[in-house]
């Protein structure tokens, strides 16, 4: 049984709740344990994963959050840099499923976050578990 850490950037509570529901259900359905930590925003997710990885307590990670385009360039910075940070960690061999949604509006975010629709939280958890299985096999 693996121990999975869900790192959530909680900014939109109702959307994060849906992402968490999907991620937790996927991890539990696969028979694994999980914990959740919350960080202020998507930019902090990669740093939290690094801190957690240093403890040696976790086998894989699920990154969750929602970034909705606003009026400024901040959307691009947060979207790009959080993804870049997560990708850099995966290149170091850390199994991570990236479920940080980057959407144009709330309707898109709801469709993607809702476990009854696109279930991107569950998909991110499944990706983390698939990468963990690959790491263990190789």
Foldseek 3Di string as FASTA:
>chain_A
DFEEEEEEQDDPPVLVVLLVVLQVVLQVVVPYHYDYDYDNHLLCRLVVVVVVVVVVRGLAYEYEEEQEDDDDCVLVVSVVNSVVSVVVVVVVVHQWQYHYHYYHDVVVSCQCRHCVHVNSSNVSNVSSVVSSVVSVVD
